[in-house]
Amino acid sequence: MTTLLKVFMQKEVALNVFGEPLIPCSFDPLTGFFRDGCCKTNEEDVGSHLVCAVVTKQFLQFSLEKGNDLITPRPEYQFPGLVAGDQWCLCINRWVEAASANCAPLIKLESTHIHALETVALDVLKQYSSEV
């Protein structure tokens, strides 16, 4: 077995909140901490971009008021700016804040990383499922 194959086989498969392989969140716009379309994470992701959300105008305004402008394009960071209906990997803590303020966007559970369950119970996440 080649070294490259060994490295590939050792890579951990990212899981969603159901314990199944993580489904991509969005390729247009390209999302994720790694800008690979998935809400994957590692120790470098201090924001914990775990939640695949379908953003709303209300949530985008909430985020802007909290100091995180998700509306304005920032090409230098490969960020196109978001509009209502876009899917985007959100930081778990921002999503929890939005839920407390009654403006949390719906989420795609199959695209939300299993580590989100360390902060929010699955029953709560299911209440915000976009697949209702």
C-alpha atoms as a PDB file:
ATOM      1  CA  MET A   1       0.000   0.000   0.000  1.00  0.00           C
ATOM      2  CA  THR A   2       1.374   3.412  -0.958  1.00  0.00           C
ATOM      3  CA  THR A   3       1.993   6.114   1.630  1.00  0.00           C
ATOM      4  CA  LEU A   4      -0.554   8.385  -0.055  1.00  0.00           C
ATOM      5  CA  LEU A   5      -3.207   5.676   0.123  1.00  0.00           C
ATOM      6  CA  LYS A   6      -2.437   5.098   3.813  1.00  0.00           C
ATOM      7  CA  VAL A   7      -2.848   8.806   4.535  1.00  0.00           C
ATOM      8  CA  PHE A   8      -6.128   8.885   2.584  1.00  0.00           C
ATOM      9  CA  MET A   9      -7.489   5.869   4.449  1.00  0.00           C
ATOM     10  CA  GLN A  10      -6.599   7.384   7.828  1.00  0.00           C
ATOM     11  CA  LYS A  11      -8.567  10.575   7.185  1.00  0.00           C
ATOM     12  CA  GLU A  12     -11.542  10.779   9.477  1.00  0.00           C
ATOM     13  CA  VAL A  13     -14.933  10.960   7.761  1.00  0.00           C
ATOM     14  CA  ALA A  14     -16.880  13.977   9.036  1.00  0.00           C
ATOM     15  CA  LEU A  15     -20.270  13.027  10.469  1.00  0.00           C
ATOM     16  CA  ASN A  16     -23.566  14.869  10.689  1.00  0.00           C
ATOM     17  CA  VAL A  17     -25.906  15.084  13.697  1.00  0.00           C
ATOM     18  CA  PHE A  18     -27.347  11.675  12.800  1.00  0.00           C
ATOM     19  CA  GLY A  19     -23.911  10.026  12.932  1.00  0.00           C
ATOM     20  CA  GLU A  20     -23.904   9.606   9.145  1.00  0.00           C
ATOM     21  CA  PRO A  21     -21.405  11.033   6.620  1.00  0.00           C
ATOM     22  CA  LEU A  22     -21.737  14.812   6.397  1.00  0.00           C
ATOM     23  CA  ILE A  23     -23.571  15.997   3.266  1.00  0.00           C
ATOM     24  CA  PRO A  24     -22.227  19.194   1.625  1.00  0.00           C
ATOM     25  CA  CYS A  25     -24.006  22.387   2.676  1.00  0.00           C
ATOM     26  CA  SER A  26     -23.374  24.657  -0.319  1.00  0.00           C
ATOM     27  CA  PHE A  27     -21.052  25.033  -3.274  1.00  0.00           C
ATOM     28  CA  ASP A  28     -22.757  28.237  -4.477  1.00  0.00           C
ATOM     29  CA  PRO A  29     -21.952  30.186  -2.458  1.00  0.00           C
ATOM     30  CA  LEU A  30     -18.945  28.093  -1.484  1.00  0.00           C
ATOM     31  CA  THR A  31     -19.153  27.685   2.287  1.00  0.00           C
ATOM     32  CA  GLY A  32     -17.357  26.016   5.146  1.00  0.00           C
ATOM     33  CA  PHE A  33     -14.343  26.880   7.271  1.00  0.00           C
ATOM     34  CA  PHE A  34     -12.211  25.132   4.654  1.00  0.00           C
ATOM     35  CA  ARG A  35     -14.268  26.570   1.743  1.00  0.00           C
ATOM     36  CA  ASP A  36     -15.008  23.039   0.586  1.00  0.00           C
ATOM     37  CA  GLY A  37     -18.813  23.233   0.706  1.00  0.00           C
ATOM     38  CA  CYS A  38     -19.069  21.336   4.007  1.00  0.00           C
ATOM     39  CA  CYS A  39     -19.498  22.355   7.643  1.00  0.00           C
ATOM     40  CA  LYS A  40     -16.352  20.468   8.664  1.00  0.00           C
ATOM     41  CA  THR A  41     -14.175  21.645  11.528  1.00  0.00           C
ATOM     42  CA  ASN A  42     -10.900  21.133  13.329  1.00  0.00           C
ATOM     43  CA  GLU A  43      -8.972  22.773  16.165  1.00  0.00           C
ATOM     44  CA  GLU A  44      -8.127  25.778  13.946  1.00  0.00           C
ATOM     45  CA  ASP A  45     -11.830  26.619  13.509  1.00  0.00           C
ATOM     46  CA  VAL A  46     -12.218  28.752  16.632  1.00  0.00           C
ATOM     47  CA  GLY A  47     -15.685  29.851  15.486  1.00  0.00           C
ATOM     48  CA  SER A  48     -16.943  26.275  15.136  1.00  0.00           C
ATOM     49  CA  HIS A  49     -18.692  26.658  11.756  1.00  0.00           C
ATOM     50  CA  LEU A  50     -20.905  23.610  12.335  1.00  0.00           C
ATOM     51  CA  VAL A  51     -24.471  24.560  11.397  1.00  0.00           C
ATOM     52  CA  CYS A  52     -25.673  24.425   7.789  1.00  0.00           C
ATOM     53  CA  ALA A  53     -28.255  27.211   7.798  1.00  0.00           C
ATOM     54  CA  VAL A  54     -30.644  28.543   5.186  1.00  0.00           C
ATOM     55  CA  VAL A  55     -30.129  32.202   5.970  1.00  0.00           C
ATOM     56  CA  THR A  56     -32.972  34.686   6.155  1.00  0.00           C
ATOM     57  CA  LYS A  57     -33.035  38.450   5.790  1.00  0.00           C
ATOM     58  CA  GLN A  58     -33.895  38.667   9.498  1.00  0.00           C
ATOM     59  CA  PHE A  59     -30.904  36.533  10.485  1.00  0.00           C
ATOM     60  CA  LEU A  60     -28.531  38.454   8.203  1.00  0.00           C
ATOM     61  CA  GLN A  61     -29.634  41.728   9.833  1.00  0.00           C
ATOM     62  CA  PHE A  62     -29.222  40.162  13.302  1.00  0.00           C
ATOM     63  CA  SER A  63     -25.701  39.024  12.450  1.00  0.00           C
ATOM     64  CA  LEU A  64     -24.836  42.478  11.081  1.00  0.00           C
ATOM     65  CA  GLU A  65     -26.054  44.090  14.308  1.00  0.00           C
ATOM     66  CA  LYS A  66     -23.815  41.662  16.247  1.00  0.00           C
ATOM     67  CA  GLY A  67     -20.799  42.849  14.240  1.00  0.00           C
ATOM     68  CA  ASN A  68     -20.596  40.044  11.667  1.00  0.00           C
ATOM     69  CA  ASP A  69     -21.491  41.412   8.228  1.00  0.00           C
ATOM     70  CA  LEU A  70     -22.507  38.437   6.116  1.00  0.00           C
ATOM     71  CA  ILE A  71     -24.123  40.651   3.471  1.00  0.00           C
ATOM     72  CA  THR A  72     -21.205  42.621   2.013  1.00  0.00           C
ATOM     73  CA  PRO A  73     -19.057  40.727  -0.511  1.00  0.00           C
ATOM     74  CA  ARG A  74     -15.400  40.295   0.568  1.00  0.00           C
ATOM     75  CA  PRO A  75     -13.622  38.761  -2.437  1.00  0.00           C
ATOM     76  CA  GLU A  76     -10.258  38.887  -0.643  1.00  0.00           C
ATOM     77  CA  TYR A  77     -11.676  36.220   1.707  1.00  0.00           C
ATOM     78  CA  GLN A  78     -13.512  34.291  -1.036  1.00  0.00           C
ATOM     79  CA  PHE A  79     -16.764  35.603   0.448  1.00  0.00           C
ATOM     80  CA  PRO A  80     -19.505  36.570  -2.027  1.00  0.00           C
ATOM     81  CA  GLY A  81     -21.912  38.131   0.463  1.00  0.00           C
ATOM     82  CA  LEU A  82     -25.111  36.321   1.354  1.00  0.00           C
ATOM     83  CA  VAL A  83     -28.761  36.853   0.480  1.00  0.00           C
ATOM     84  CA  ALA A  84     -31.843  35.260   1.983  1.00  0.00           C
ATOM     85  CA  GLY A  85     -32.131  31.643   0.874  1.00  0.00           C
ATOM     86  CA  ASP A  86     -28.388  31.006   0.671  1.00  0.00           C
ATOM     87  CA  GLN A  87     -27.056  28.044   2.607  1.00  0.00           C
ATOM     88  CA  TRP A  88     -24.051  28.811   4.804  1.00  0.00           C
ATOM     89  CA  CYS A  89     -22.030  27.154   7.565  1.00  0.00           C
ATOM     90  CA  LEU A  90     -22.683  29.248  10.666  1.00  0.00           C
ATOM     91  CA  CYS A  91     -20.809  29.329  13.946  1.00  0.00           C
ATOM     92  CA  ILE A  92     -22.739  27.299  16.477  1.00  0.00           C
ATOM     93  CA  ASN A  93     -22.654  30.063  19.103  1.00  0.00           C
ATOM     94  CA  ARG A  94     -24.059  32.674  16.679  1.00  0.00           C
ATOM     95  CA  TRP A  95     -26.867  30.276  15.760  1.00  0.00           C
ATOM     96  CA  VAL A  96     -27.656  29.747  19.470  1.00  0.00           C
ATOM     97  CA  GLU A  97     -27.685  33.540  19.967  1.00  0.00           C
ATOM     98  CA  ALA A  98     -30.087  33.895  17.056  1.00  0.00           C
ATOM     99  CA  ALA A  99     -32.313  31.152  18.460  1.00  0.00           C
ATOM    100  CA  SER A 100     -32.464  33.020  21.779  1.00  0.00           C
ATOM    101  CA  ALA A 101     -33.447  36.171  19.855  1.00  0.00           C
ATOM    102  CA  ASN A 102     -36.150  34.281  17.892  1.00  0.00           C
ATOM    103  CA  CYS A 103     -34.426  34.774  14.546  1.00  0.00           C
ATOM    104  CA  ALA A 104     -32.466  31.549  14.037  1.00  0.00           C
ATOM    105  CA  PRO A 105     -32.544  30.345  10.454  1.00  0.00           C
ATOM    106  CA  LEU A 106     -33.696  26.863   9.547  1.00  0.00           C
ATOM    107  CA  ILE A 107     -30.940  24.294   9.222  1.00  0.00           C
ATOM    108  CA  LYS A 108     -30.114  21.289   7.065  1.00  0.00           C
ATOM    109  CA  LEU A 109     -29.546  18.546   9.612  1.00  0.00           C
ATOM    110  CA  GLU A 110     -27.768  16.146   7.256  1.00  0.00           C
ATOM    111  CA  SER A 111     -25.252  18.933   6.561  1.00  0.00           C
ATOM    112  CA  THR A 112     -24.795  20.042  10.192  1.00  0.00           C
ATOM    113  CA  HIS A 113     -21.676  18.653  11.885  1.00  0.00           C
ATOM    114  CA  ILE A 114     -22.070  16.175  14.757  1.00  0.00           C
ATOM    115  CA  HIS A 115     -20.038  18.480  17.040  1.00  0.00           C
ATOM    116  CA  ALA A 116     -23.054  20.827  17.087  1.00  0.00           C
ATOM    117  CA  LEU A 117     -24.574  18.320  19.525  1.00  0.00           C
ATOM    118  CA  GLU A 118     -21.948  19.345  22.089  1.00  0.00           C
ATOM    119  CA  THR A 119     -23.783  22.693  22.310  1.00  0.00           C
ATOM    120  CA  VAL A 120     -27.382  22.035  21.225  1.00  0.00           C
ATOM    121  CA  ALA A 121     -29.527  18.931  21.744  1.00  0.00           C
ATOM    122  CA  LEU A 122     -30.683  17.065  18.647  1.00  0.00           C
ATOM    123  CA  ASP A 123     -34.328  17.583  19.654  1.00  0.00           C
ATOM    124  CA  VAL A 124     -33.779  21.356  19.550  1.00  0.00           C
ATOM    125  CA  LEU A 125     -31.983  21.209  16.199  1.00  0.00           C
ATOM    126  CA  LYS A 126     -34.836  19.116  14.764  1.00  0.00           C
ATOM    127  CA  GLN A 127     -37.263  21.933  15.628  1.00  0.00           C
ATOM    128  CA  TYR A 128     -35.336  24.105  13.161  1.00  0.00           C
ATOM    129  CA  SER A 129     -35.050  21.536  10.383  1.00  0.00           C
ATOM    130  CA  SER A 130     -35.540  22.914   6.894  1.00  0.00           C
ATOM    131  CA  GLU A 131     -36.900  19.504   5.844  1.00  0.00           C
ATOM    132  CA  VAL A 132     -40.207  19.810   7.675  1.00  0.00           C
END
